[in-house]
């Protein structure tokens, strides 16, 4: 296995210079840094993370806490976080809270003892607890806003408007809405605009877990409402709705249109393919790590971003409303 001394000899520099080129690249010239990096790559040199941590005071580990890794929404954000972290030579420790705010709080406090900073994706904790955790180390939020904490969010309100305008253009006038968890910040953002599109009456089907079985179970309430279209909190709920509709002999989209939210890969694997609001999930993971790196730099700034844009993707699960007999 190649050592730092081997890299230094191959690059024609001292071991001290090779060490600085790898751990603090701004302290050496560009020419020497390039030689060291090329030598390290050719020799397959792997730096000793424990030694680097002792020297820098950094563990080179970041934490990522998500409500449910089985949900493709969070898995895709996680891939974005990990890809960006690799580029900055950070490892990522991932924890799943099973949608439980109490477990979430415990996991965050435990992780903060072993990581340099945390990305919290859609945290379910009350804002006060999130702020308390932020006093113990740098935190960046994804899909949640809490005062004083950097965050990456999506323009979900725009997504709801786009979906409702699309359904109105298809002559739907009564739309059922299957909501997400009552503790979800994103759910609250969706509900602020449900009544804003003129000419659409929204029937509230209530709060539900953001999982396939919840959509399956809520479908009977949708059919009872008389709605000709249903807008779902996320794609997993929408897929559950489509399954139950099929079981009851109701055709999609001929009898009822279905719209999801998130644009997970499975949205294109089903028949009919799901019309949904697409969110830039991988980009959100990238930006969260970039913001966390800025917070760790301790330059006195608190980075902020505008909500990331979203886009309605029209596929096969929506069609003009059927004519009443």
C-alpha atoms as a PDB file:
ATOM      1  CA  UNK A   1       0.000   0.000   0.000  1.00  0.00           C
ATOM      2  CA  UNK A   2       1.372   3.411  -1.003  1.00  0.00           C
ATOM      3  CA  UNK A   3       2.423   5.808   1.769  1.00  0.00           C
ATOM      4  CA  UNK A   4       2.563   9.585   1.895  1.00  0.00           C
ATOM      5  CA  UNK A   5       6.345   9.337   1.542  1.00  0.00           C
ATOM      6  CA  UNK A   6       5.911   7.331  -1.690  1.00  0.00           C
ATOM      7  CA  UNK A   7       3.644  10.069  -3.045  1.00  0.00           C
ATOM      8  CA  UNK A   8       6.139  12.762  -2.067  1.00  0.00           C
ATOM      9  CA  UNK A   9       9.016  10.970  -3.824  1.00  0.00           C
ATOM     10  CA  UNK A  10       6.959  10.407  -6.989  1.00  0.00           C
ATOM     11  CA  UNK A  11       5.910  14.071  -7.043  1.00  0.00           C
ATOM     12  CA  UNK A  12       9.409  15.343  -6.281  1.00  0.00           C
ATOM     13  CA  UNK A  13       8.370  17.230  -3.138  1.00  0.00           C
ATOM     14  CA  UNK A  14       8.895  16.841   0.593  1.00  0.00           C
ATOM     15  CA  UNK A  15       6.460  14.725   2.658  1.00  0.00           C
ATOM     16  CA  UNK A  16       5.338  17.918   4.427  1.00  0.00           C
ATOM     17  CA  UNK A  17       4.455  19.553   1.110  1.00  0.00           C
ATOM     18  CA  UNK A  18       2.639  16.416  -0.049  1.00  0.00           C
ATOM     19  CA  UNK A  19       0.640  16.398   3.175  1.00  0.00           C
ATOM     20  CA  UNK A  20      -0.361  20.053   2.762  1.00  0.00           C
ATOM     21  CA  UNK A  21      -1.287  19.509  -0.887  1.00  0.00           C
ATOM     22  CA  UNK A  22      -3.744  16.793   0.138  1.00  0.00           C
ATOM     23  CA  UNK A  23      -5.143  18.242   3.363  1.00  0.00           C
ATOM     24  CA  UNK A  24      -4.832  22.012   2.826  1.00  0.00           C
ATOM     25  CA  UNK A  25      -4.425  22.517  -0.951  1.00  0.00           C
ATOM     26  CA  UNK A  26      -4.632  26.308  -0.783  1.00  0.00           C
ATOM     27  CA  UNK A  27      -1.306  26.415   1.094  1.00  0.00           C
ATOM     28  CA  UNK A  28       0.812  25.094  -1.805  1.00  0.00           C
ATOM     29  CA  UNK A  29       1.334  26.245  -5.379  1.00  0.00           C
ATOM     30  CA  UNK A  30      -0.954  24.975  -8.110  1.00  0.00           C
ATOM     31  CA  UNK A  31       1.956  23.255  -9.871  1.00  0.00           C
ATOM     32  CA  UNK A  32       3.040  21.273  -6.805  1.00  0.00           C
ATOM     33  CA  UNK A  33      -0.548  20.475  -5.874  1.00  0.00           C
ATOM     34  CA  UNK A  34      -1.154  19.024  -9.357  1.00  0.00           C
ATOM     35  CA  UNK A  35       1.995  16.881  -9.159  1.00  0.00           C
ATOM     36  CA  UNK A  36       1.010  15.524  -5.748  1.00  0.00           C
ATOM     37  CA  UNK A  37      -2.570  14.744  -6.799  1.00  0.00           C
ATOM     38  CA  UNK A  38      -1.388  12.984  -9.955  1.00  0.00           C
ATOM     39  CA  UNK A  39       1.146  10.941  -7.979  1.00  0.00           C
ATOM     40  CA  UNK A  40      -1.453  10.009  -5.378  1.00  0.00           C
ATOM     41  CA  UNK A  41      -3.872   8.848  -8.066  1.00  0.00           C
ATOM     42  CA  UNK A  42      -1.234   6.836  -9.928  1.00  0.00           C
ATOM     43  CA  UNK A  43      -0.085   5.117  -6.733  1.00  0.00           C
ATOM     44  CA  UNK A  44      -3.597   4.546  -5.406  1.00  0.00           C
ATOM     45  CA  UNK A  45      -2.761   6.422  -2.220  1.00  0.00           C
ATOM     46  CA  UNK A  46      -5.536   6.596   0.390  1.00  0.00           C
ATOM     47  CA  UNK A  47      -5.075   9.237   3.127  1.00  0.00           C
ATOM     48  CA  UNK A  48      -5.398   8.201   6.765  1.00  0.00           C
ATOM     49  CA  UNK A  49      -8.701   9.768   7.807  1.00  0.00           C
ATOM     50  CA  UNK A  50      -8.017   9.363  11.499  1.00  0.00           C
ATOM     51  CA  UNK A  51      -4.728  11.246  11.212  1.00  0.00           C
ATOM     52  CA  UNK A  52      -6.376  13.961   9.153  1.00  0.00           C
ATOM     53  CA  UNK A  53      -9.113  14.332  11.754  1.00  0.00           C
ATOM     54  CA  UNK A  54      -6.575  14.745  14.560  1.00  0.00           C
ATOM     55  CA  UNK A  55      -4.657  17.354  12.579  1.00  0.00           C
ATOM     56  CA  UNK A  56      -7.645  19.366  11.396  1.00  0.00           C
ATOM     57  CA  UNK A  57     -10.134  18.902  14.223  1.00  0.00           C
ATOM     58  CA  UNK A  58     -12.598  17.582  11.605  1.00  0.00           C
ATOM     59  CA  UNK A  59     -13.954  14.045  11.430  1.00  0.00           C
ATOM     60  CA  UNK A  60     -14.605  14.349   7.656  1.00  0.00           C
ATOM     61  CA  UNK A  61     -17.993  12.777   8.340  1.00  0.00           C
ATOM     62  CA  UNK A  62     -21.362  14.373   7.653  1.00  0.00           C
ATOM     63  CA  UNK A  63     -24.695  13.130   8.959  1.00  0.00           C
ATOM     64  CA  UNK A  64     -27.938  12.769   6.997  1.00  0.00           C
ATOM     65  CA  UNK A  65     -31.223  12.157   8.828  1.00  0.00           C
ATOM     66  CA  UNK A  66     -34.353  11.233   6.840  1.00  0.00           C
ATOM     67  CA  UNK A  67     -37.871  10.159   7.852  1.00  0.00           C
ATOM     68  CA  UNK A  68     -38.032   7.020   5.680  1.00  0.00           C
ATOM     69  CA  UNK A  69     -35.307   5.622   3.415  1.00  0.00           C
ATOM     70  CA  UNK A  70     -37.798   3.280   1.741  1.00  0.00           C
ATOM     71  CA  UNK A  71     -39.449   6.384   0.257  1.00  0.00           C
ATOM     72  CA  UNK A  72     -37.700   7.127  -3.074  1.00  0.00           C
ATOM     73  CA  UNK A  73     -37.981  10.874  -2.360  1.00  0.00           C
ATOM     74  CA  UNK A  74     -35.529  10.602   0.535  1.00  0.00           C
ATOM     75  CA  UNK A  75     -33.369   7.979  -1.165  1.00  0.00           C
ATOM     76  CA  UNK A  76     -32.841  10.320  -4.130  1.00  0.00           C
ATOM     77  CA  UNK A  77     -31.944  13.260  -1.882  1.00  0.00           C
ATOM     78  CA  UNK A  78     -29.516  10.931  -0.079  1.00  0.00           C
ATOM     79  CA  UNK A  79     -27.803  10.060  -3.368  1.00  0.00           C
ATOM     80  CA  UNK A  80     -27.358  13.776  -4.060  1.00  0.00           C
ATOM     81  CA  UNK A  81     -25.899  14.342  -0.591  1.00  0.00           C
ATOM     82  CA  UNK A  82     -23.474  11.439  -0.936  1.00  0.00           C
ATOM     83  CA  UNK A  83     -22.350  12.416  -4.436  1.00  0.00           C
ATOM     84  CA  UNK A  84     -21.544  15.968  -3.346  1.00  0.00           C
ATOM     85  CA  UNK A  85     -19.865  14.782  -0.145  1.00  0.00           C
ATOM     86  CA  UNK A  86     -17.574  12.470  -2.116  1.00  0.00           C
ATOM     87  CA  UNK A  87     -16.370  15.476  -4.058  1.00  0.00           C
ATOM     88  CA  UNK A  88     -15.287  17.133  -0.816  1.00  0.00           C
ATOM     89  CA  UNK A  89     -13.796  13.889   0.606  1.00  0.00           C
ATOM     90  CA  UNK A  90     -16.472  13.537   3.273  1.00  0.00           C
ATOM     91  CA  UNK A  91     -18.177  10.295   4.289  1.00  0.00           C
ATOM     92  CA  UNK A  92     -21.909  10.359   5.039  1.00  0.00           C
ATOM     93  CA  UNK A  93     -23.612   8.598   7.950  1.00  0.00           C
ATOM     94  CA  UNK A  94     -27.311   8.062   7.198  1.00  0.00           C
ATOM     95  CA  UNK A  95     -30.065   7.566   9.793  1.00  0.00           C
ATOM     96  CA  UNK A  96     -33.758   6.720   9.283  1.00  0.00           C
ATOM     97  CA  UNK A  97     -36.291   7.989  11.863  1.00  0.00           C
ATOM     98  CA  UNK A  98     -39.334   5.986  10.701  1.00  0.00           C
ATOM     99  CA  UNK A  99     -41.330   9.262  10.664  1.00  0.00           C
ATOM    100  CA  UNK A 100     -41.050   9.494  14.479  1.00  0.00           C
ATOM    101  CA  UNK A 101     -40.092  12.959  15.854  1.00  0.00           C
ATOM    102  CA  UNK A 102     -38.908  11.461  19.162  1.00  0.00           C
ATOM    103  CA  UNK A 103     -36.549   9.011  17.449  1.00  0.00           C
ATOM    104  CA  UNK A 104     -35.436  11.812  15.152  1.00  0.00           C
ATOM    105  CA  UNK A 105     -34.392  14.003  18.073  1.00  0.00           C
ATOM    106  CA  UNK A 106     -32.444  11.145  19.688  1.00  0.00           C
ATOM    107  CA  UNK A 107     -30.659  10.262  16.437  1.00  0.00           C
ATOM    108  CA  UNK A 108     -29.683  13.869  15.758  1.00  0.00           C
ATOM    109  CA  UNK A 109     -28.208  14.319  19.228  1.00  0.00           C
ATOM    110  CA  UNK A 110     -26.304  11.012  18.939  1.00  0.00           C
ATOM    111  CA  UNK A 111     -24.927  11.809  15.483  1.00  0.00           C
ATOM    112  CA  UNK A 112     -23.775  15.260  16.511  1.00  0.00           C
ATOM    113  CA  UNK A 113     -21.096  13.677  18.702  1.00  0.00           C
ATOM    114  CA  UNK A 114     -19.406  12.023  15.712  1.00  0.00           C
ATOM    115  CA  UNK A 115     -19.975  14.220  12.628  1.00  0.00           C
ATOM    116  CA  UNK A 116     -18.887  17.700  11.563  1.00  0.00           C
ATOM    117  CA  UNK A 117     -22.398  18.739  10.537  1.00  0.00           C
ATOM    118  CA  UNK A 118     -25.862  17.423   9.703  1.00  0.00           C
ATOM    119  CA  UNK A 119     -28.331  17.545   6.840  1.00  0.00           C
ATOM    120  CA  UNK A 120     -31.885  17.065   8.128  1.00  0.00           C
ATOM    121  CA  UNK A 121     -34.304  16.139   5.348  1.00  0.00           C
ATOM    122  CA  UNK A 122     -37.973  16.926   6.056  1.00  0.00           C
ATOM    123  CA  UNK A 123     -37.482  16.818   9.838  1.00  0.00           C
ATOM    124  CA  UNK A 124     -40.661  16.128  11.807  1.00  0.00           C
ATOM    125  CA  UNK A 125     -39.422  17.705  15.052  1.00  0.00           C
ATOM    126  CA  UNK A 126     -41.005  20.951  16.271  1.00  0.00           C
ATOM    127  CA  UNK A 127     -39.071  24.057  15.230  1.00  0.00           C
ATOM    128  CA  UNK A 128     -37.894  24.685  18.787  1.00  0.00           C
ATOM    129  CA  UNK A 129     -36.204  21.285  18.949  1.00  0.00           C
ATOM    130  CA  UNK A 130     -34.548  21.799  15.564  1.00  0.00           C
ATOM    131  CA  UNK A 131     -33.183  25.139  16.812  1.00  0.00           C
ATOM    132  CA  UNK A 132     -31.966  23.485  20.016  1.00  0.00           C
ATOM    133  CA  UNK A 133     -30.058  20.884  17.979  1.00  0.00           C
ATOM    134  CA  UNK A 134     -28.551  23.625  15.823  1.00  0.00           C
ATOM    135  CA  UNK A 135     -26.848  25.080  18.904  1.00  0.00           C
ATOM    136  CA  UNK A 136     -24.814  21.859  19.156  1.00  0.00           C
ATOM    137  CA  UNK A 137     -23.361  21.944  15.635  1.00  0.00           C
ATOM    138  CA  UNK A 138     -23.955  23.076  12.032  1.00  0.00           C
ATOM    139  CA  UNK A 139     -27.252  21.948  10.496  1.00  0.00           C
ATOM    140  CA  UNK A 140     -28.772  22.429   7.049  1.00  0.00           C
ATOM    141  CA  UNK A 141     -32.420  21.587   6.387  1.00  0.00           C
ATOM    142  CA  UNK A 142     -33.941  20.131   3.229  1.00  0.00           C
ATOM    143  CA  UNK A 143     -37.675  20.554   2.546  1.00  0.00           C
ATOM    144  CA  UNK A 144     -38.221  22.491   5.769  1.00  0.00           C
ATOM    145  CA  UNK A 145     -37.795  26.060   6.970  1.00  0.00           C
ATOM    146  CA  UNK A 146     -36.889  26.989  10.547  1.00  0.00           C
ATOM    147  CA  UNK A 147     -35.875  30.514  11.477  1.00  0.00           C
ATOM    148  CA  UNK A 148     -32.128  31.032  11.679  1.00  0.00           C
ATOM    149  CA  UNK A 149     -31.148  27.719  10.047  1.00  0.00           C
ATOM    150  CA  UNK A 150     -29.936  27.414   6.424  1.00  0.00           C
ATOM    151  CA  UNK A 151     -32.333  25.421   4.254  1.00  0.00           C
ATOM    152  CA  UNK A 152     -32.955  24.062   0.776  1.00  0.00           C
ATOM    153  CA  UNK A 153     -36.640  24.042  -0.128  1.00  0.00           C
ATOM    154  CA  UNK A 154     -38.862  23.416  -3.136  1.00  0.00           C
ATOM    155  CA  UNK A 155     -41.526  25.725  -4.545  1.00  0.00           C
ATOM    156  CA  UNK A 156     -44.281  23.244  -3.682  1.00  0.00           C
ATOM    157  CA  UNK A 157     -46.944  25.961  -3.762  1.00  0.00           C
ATOM    158  CA  UNK A 158     -46.171  26.507  -7.435  1.00  0.00           C
ATOM    159  CA  UNK A 159     -46.433  22.755  -7.991  1.00  0.00           C
ATOM    160  CA  UNK A 160     -49.926  22.640  -6.495  1.00  0.00           C
ATOM    161  CA  UNK A 161     -51.019  25.578  -8.642  1.00  0.00           C
ATOM    162  CA  UNK A 162     -49.630  23.963 -11.780  1.00  0.00           C
ATOM    163  CA  UNK A 163     -51.471  20.723 -11.022  1.00  0.00           C
ATOM    164  CA  UNK A 164     -54.788  22.441 -10.324  1.00  0.00           C
ATOM    165  CA  UNK A 165     -54.533  24.657 -13.413  1.00  0.00           C
ATOM    166  CA  UNK A 166     -53.831  21.559 -15.498  1.00  0.00           C
ATOM    167  CA  UNK A 167     -56.917  19.825 -14.103  1.00  0.00           C
ATOM    168  CA  UNK A 168     -59.066  22.917 -14.650  1.00  0.00           C
ATOM    169  CA  UNK A 169     -57.933  23.027 -18.288  1.00  0.00           C
ATOM    170  CA  UNK A 170     -59.186  19.435 -18.561  1.00  0.00           C
ATOM    171  CA  UNK A 171     -62.624  20.644 -17.319  1.00  0.00           C
ATOM    172  CA  UNK A 172     -62.329  19.122 -13.857  1.00  0.00           C
ATOM    173  CA  UNK A 173     -64.276  21.206 -11.361  1.00  0.00           C
ATOM    174  CA  UNK A 174     -64.197  19.026  -8.209  1.00  0.00           C
ATOM    175  CA  UNK A 175     -60.782  17.727  -7.137  1.00  0.00           C
ATOM    176  CA  UNK A 176     -60.089  15.572  -4.078  1.00  0.00           C
ATOM    177  CA  UNK A 177     -56.869  16.231  -2.160  1.00  0.00           C
ATOM    178  CA  UNK A 178     -55.223  13.439  -0.144  1.00  0.00           C
ATOM    179  CA  UNK A 179     -52.910  15.243   2.274  1.00  0.00           C
ATOM    180  CA  UNK A 180     -49.697  14.146   3.956  1.00  0.00           C
ATOM    181  CA  UNK A 181     -48.684  14.058   7.632  1.00  0.00           C
ATOM    182  CA  UNK A 182     -50.083  16.838   9.799  1.00  0.00           C
ATOM    183  CA  UNK A 183     -46.553  17.474  11.133  1.00  0.00           C
ATOM    184  CA  UNK A 184     -45.090  17.960   7.649  1.00  0.00           C
ATOM    185  CA  UNK A 185     -43.919  21.510   6.846  1.00  0.00           C
ATOM    186  CA  UNK A 186     -44.274  20.736   3.140  1.00  0.00           C
ATOM    187  CA  UNK A 187     -47.885  19.651   3.679  1.00  0.00           C
ATOM    188  CA  UNK A 188     -48.630  23.026   5.281  1.00  0.00           C
ATOM    189  CA  UNK A 189     -47.149  24.790   2.232  1.00  0.00           C
ATOM    190  CA  UNK A 190     -49.375  22.774  -0.096  1.00  0.00           C
ATOM    191  CA  UNK A 191     -52.525  23.589   1.828  1.00  0.00           C
ATOM    192  CA  UNK A 192     -51.963  27.345   1.668  1.00  0.00           C
ATOM    193  CA  UNK A 193     -52.774  27.342  -2.058  1.00  0.00           C
ATOM    194  CA  UNK A 194     -55.407  24.607  -2.416  1.00  0.00           C
ATOM    195  CA  UNK A 195     -58.227  27.140  -2.699  1.00  0.00           C
ATOM    196  CA  UNK A 196     -56.439  29.673  -4.893  1.00  0.00           C
ATOM    197  CA  UNK A 197     -57.343  28.352  -8.351  1.00  0.00           C
ATOM    198  CA  UNK A 198     -60.663  29.830  -9.433  1.00  0.00           C
ATOM    199  CA  UNK A 199     -63.186  27.370 -10.787  1.00  0.00           C
ATOM    200  CA  UNK A 200     -61.862  24.391  -8.800  1.00  0.00           C
ATOM    201  CA  UNK A 201     -63.540  23.049  -5.663  1.00  0.00           C
ATOM    202  CA  UNK A 202     -61.097  21.057  -3.554  1.00  0.00           C
ATOM    203  CA  UNK A 203     -62.461  18.309  -1.318  1.00  0.00           C
ATOM    204  CA  UNK A 204     -60.122  17.668   1.614  1.00  0.00           C
ATOM    205  CA  UNK A 205     -59.650  13.937   2.256  1.00  0.00           C
ATOM    206  CA  UNK A 206     -57.532  14.657   5.357  1.00  0.00           C
ATOM    207  CA  UNK A 207     -54.005  13.877   6.553  1.00  0.00           C
ATOM    208  CA  UNK A 208     -52.408  10.527   5.760  1.00  0.00           C
ATOM    209  CA  UNK A 209     -49.044   8.800   6.007  1.00  0.00           C
ATOM    210  CA  UNK A 210     -47.015   9.376   2.811  1.00  0.00           C
ATOM    211  CA  UNK A 211     -47.044   5.690   1.851  1.00  0.00           C
ATOM    212  CA  UNK A 212     -48.704   3.418  -0.707  1.00  0.00           C
ATOM    213  CA  UNK A 213     -51.194   1.739   1.699  1.00  0.00           C
ATOM    214  CA  UNK A 214     -52.492   5.152   2.805  1.00  0.00           C
ATOM    215  CA  UNK A 215     -53.444   6.020  -0.764  1.00  0.00           C
ATOM    216  CA  UNK A 216     -55.104   2.648  -1.208  1.00  0.00           C
ATOM    217  CA  UNK A 217     -57.177   3.183   1.938  1.00  0.00           C
ATOM    218  CA  UNK A 218     -58.149   6.788   1.132  1.00  0.00           C
ATOM    219  CA  UNK A 219     -59.471   5.998  -2.336  1.00  0.00           C
ATOM    220  CA  UNK A 220     -62.947   4.998  -1.185  1.00  0.00           C
ATOM    221  CA  UNK A 221     -63.324   8.455   0.387  1.00  0.00           C
ATOM    222  CA  UNK A 222     -62.274  10.016  -2.904  1.00  0.00           C
ATOM    223  CA  UNK A 223     -64.921   8.091  -4.805  1.00  0.00           C
ATOM    224  CA  UNK A 224     -67.550   9.031  -2.218  1.00  0.00           C
ATOM    225  CA  UNK A 225     -66.716  12.716  -2.691  1.00  0.00           C
ATOM    226  CA  UNK A 226     -67.835  12.768  -6.315  1.00  0.00           C
ATOM    227  CA  UNK A 227     -64.522  14.262  -7.474  1.00  0.00           C
ATOM    228  CA  UNK A 228     -63.471  13.656 -11.065  1.00  0.00           C
ATOM    229  CA  UNK A 229     -59.778  14.034 -10.201  1.00  0.00           C
ATOM    230  CA  UNK A 230     -57.539  13.428  -7.198  1.00  0.00           C
ATOM    231  CA  UNK A 231     -54.359  15.284  -6.241  1.00  0.00           C
ATOM    232  CA  UNK A 232     -52.075  13.317  -3.916  1.00  0.00           C
ATOM    233  CA  UNK A 233     -49.457  14.407  -1.382  1.00  0.00           C
ATOM    234  CA  UNK A 234     -46.827  12.291  -3.105  1.00  0.00           C
ATOM    235  CA  UNK A 235     -46.379   9.650  -5.782  1.00  0.00           C
ATOM    236  CA  UNK A 236     -46.492   6.719  -3.356  1.00  0.00           C
ATOM    237  CA  UNK A 237     -49.966   7.781  -2.240  1.00  0.00           C
ATOM    238  CA  UNK A 238     -50.980   8.270  -5.886  1.00  0.00           C
ATOM    239  CA  UNK A 239     -49.815   4.761  -6.792  1.00  0.00           C
ATOM    240  CA  UNK A 240     -51.887   3.363  -3.945  1.00  0.00           C
ATOM    241  CA  UNK A 241     -54.902   5.287  -5.245  1.00  0.00           C
ATOM    242  CA  UNK A 242     -54.451   3.901  -8.750  1.00  0.00           C
ATOM    243  CA  UNK A 243     -54.233   0.363  -7.414  1.00  0.00           C
ATOM    244  CA  UNK A 244     -57.464   0.686  -5.414  1.00  0.00           C
ATOM    245  CA  UNK A 245     -59.278   2.316  -8.313  1.00  0.00           C
ATOM    246  CA  UNK A 246     -58.284  -0.599 -10.524  1.00  0.00           C
ATOM    247  CA  UNK A 247     -59.540  -3.051  -7.896  1.00  0.00           C
ATOM    248  CA  UNK A 248     -62.904  -1.277  -7.857  1.00  0.00           C
ATOM    249  CA  UNK A 249     -63.211  -1.254 -11.619  1.00  0.00           C
ATOM    250  CA  UNK A 250     -62.703   2.510 -11.938  1.00  0.00           C
ATOM    251  CA  UNK A 251     -60.644   3.489 -14.981  1.00  0.00           C
ATOM    252  CA  UNK A 252     -57.742   5.945 -14.901  1.00  0.00           C
ATOM    253  CA  UNK A 253     -57.939   8.436 -16.515  1.00  0.00           C
ATOM    254  CA  UNK A 254     -61.251   7.768 -18.280  1.00  0.00           C
ATOM    255  CA  UNK A 255     -63.343   7.805 -15.079  1.00  0.00           C
ATOM    256  CA  UNK A 256     -61.038   9.741 -12.759  1.00  0.00           C
ATOM    257  CA  UNK A 257     -57.699  11.549 -13.195  1.00  0.00           C
ATOM    258  CA  UNK A 258     -54.805  11.103 -10.751  1.00  0.00           C
ATOM    259  CA  UNK A 259     -51.923  13.512 -10.061  1.00  0.00           C
ATOM    260  CA  UNK A 260     -48.938  12.755  -7.836  1.00  0.00           C
ATOM    261  CA  UNK A 261     -46.077  14.806  -6.430  1.00  0.00           C
ATOM    262  CA  UNK A 262     -42.256  14.232  -6.439  1.00  0.00           C
ATOM    263  CA  UNK A 263     -41.758  12.353  -9.761  1.00  0.00           C
ATOM    264  CA  UNK A 264     -40.080   9.268  -8.320  1.00  0.00           C
ATOM    265  CA  UNK A 265     -38.785   6.709 -10.879  1.00  0.00           C
ATOM    266  CA  UNK A 266     -41.759   4.390 -10.300  1.00  0.00           C
ATOM    267  CA  UNK A 267     -44.064   7.076 -11.727  1.00  0.00           C
ATOM    268  CA  UNK A 268     -43.039   5.988 -15.224  1.00  0.00           C
ATOM    269  CA  UNK A 269     -43.089   2.242 -14.521  1.00  0.00           C
ATOM    270  CA  UNK A 270     -46.853   1.971 -13.972  1.00  0.00           C
ATOM    271  CA  UNK A 271     -49.726   1.879 -16.449  1.00  0.00           C
ATOM    272  CA  UNK A 272     -50.984   4.475 -17.045  1.00  0.00           C
ATOM    273  CA  UNK A 273     -47.817   6.492 -16.383  1.00  0.00           C
ATOM    274  CA  UNK A 274     -48.376   9.006 -13.605  1.00  0.00           C
ATOM    275  CA  UNK A 275     -48.836  12.732 -14.130  1.00  0.00           C
ATOM    276  CA  UNK A 276     -46.875  14.356 -11.315  1.00  0.00           C
ATOM    277  CA  UNK A 277     -44.977  17.399 -10.092  1.00  0.00           C
ATOM    278  CA  UNK A 278     -41.246  16.902 -10.579  1.00  0.00           C
ATOM    279  CA  UNK A 279     -38.845  18.103  -7.856  1.00  0.00           C
ATOM    280  CA  UNK A 280     -35.043  18.470  -8.320  1.00  0.00           C
ATOM    281  CA  UNK A 281     -34.236  16.052  -5.493  1.00  0.00           C
ATOM    282  CA  UNK A 282     -30.626  15.264  -6.410  1.00  0.00           C
ATOM    283  CA  UNK A 283     -29.854  18.959  -6.799  1.00  0.00           C
ATOM    284  CA  UNK A 284     -31.302  19.585  -3.346  1.00  0.00           C
ATOM    285  CA  UNK A 285     -28.849  17.069  -1.883  1.00  0.00           C
ATOM    286  CA  UNK A 286     -25.953  18.755  -3.682  1.00  0.00           C
ATOM    287  CA  UNK A 287     -26.921  22.217  -2.476  1.00  0.00           C
ATOM    288  CA  UNK A 288     -27.425  21.059   1.109  1.00  0.00           C
ATOM    289  CA  UNK A 289     -23.842  19.771   1.307  1.00  0.00           C
ATOM    290  CA  UNK A 290     -22.514  22.950  -0.313  1.00  0.00           C
ATOM    291  CA  UNK A 291     -24.361  25.016   2.288  1.00  0.00           C
ATOM    292  CA  UNK A 292     -23.110  22.784   5.096  1.00  0.00           C
ATOM    293  CA  UNK A 293     -19.526  23.204   3.880  1.00  0.00           C
ATOM    294  CA  UNK A 294     -20.041  26.965   3.955  1.00  0.00           C
ATOM    295  CA  UNK A 295     -21.384  26.767   7.507  1.00  0.00           C
ATOM    296  CA  UNK A 296     -18.388  24.660   8.555  1.00  0.00           C
ATOM    297  CA  UNK A 297     -16.047  27.274   7.106  1.00  0.00           C
ATOM    298  CA  UNK A 298     -17.166  29.562   9.958  1.00  0.00           C
ATOM    299  CA  UNK A 299     -16.964  32.683   7.821  1.00  0.00           C
ATOM    300  CA  UNK A 300     -19.782  34.371   9.703  1.00  0.00           C
ATOM    301  CA  UNK A 301     -22.342  34.022   6.910  1.00  0.00           C
ATOM    302  CA  UNK A 302     -25.571  32.078   6.874  1.00  0.00           C
ATOM    303  CA  UNK A 303     -26.151  30.844   3.310  1.00  0.00           C
ATOM    304  CA  UNK A 304     -29.683  30.903   1.991  1.00  0.00           C
ATOM    305  CA  UNK A 305     -31.344  29.861  -1.258  1.00  0.00           C
ATOM    306  CA  UNK A 306     -34.579  30.631  -3.024  1.00  0.00           C
ATOM    307  CA  UNK A 307     -36.978  27.675  -3.261  1.00  0.00           C
ATOM    308  CA  UNK A 308     -35.894  25.340  -6.056  1.00  0.00           C
ATOM    309  CA  UNK A 309     -38.275  25.419  -9.045  1.00  0.00           C
ATOM    310  CA  UNK A 310     -40.642  22.515  -9.689  1.00  0.00           C
ATOM    311  CA  UNK A 311     -42.412  21.429 -12.856  1.00  0.00           C
ATOM    312  CA  UNK A 312     -45.612  19.562 -13.671  1.00  0.00           C
ATOM    313  CA  UNK A 313     -44.913  16.531 -15.882  1.00  0.00           C
ATOM    314  CA  UNK A 314     -48.042  15.516 -17.785  1.00  0.00           C
ATOM    315  CA  UNK A 315     -48.267  11.810 -18.577  1.00  0.00           C
ATOM    316  CA  UNK A 316     -51.130   9.342 -19.016  1.00  0.00           C
ATOM    317  CA  UNK A 317     -53.038   9.443 -15.693  1.00  0.00           C
ATOM    318  CA  UNK A 318     -54.912  12.673 -16.462  1.00  0.00           C
ATOM    319  CA  UNK A 319     -57.497  13.322 -19.167  1.00  0.00           C
ATOM    320  CA  UNK A 320     -60.547  15.559 -19.751  1.00  0.00           C
ATOM    321  CA  UNK A 321     -63.279  15.115 -17.171  1.00  0.00           C
ATOM    322  CA  UNK A 322     -65.968  12.682 -18.200  1.00  0.00           C
ATOM    323  CA  UNK A 323     -69.326  14.142 -19.105  1.00  0.00           C
ATOM    324  CA  UNK A 324     -72.080  13.719 -16.522  1.00  0.00           C
ATOM    325  CA  UNK A 325     -74.966  11.545 -17.769  1.00  0.00           C
END
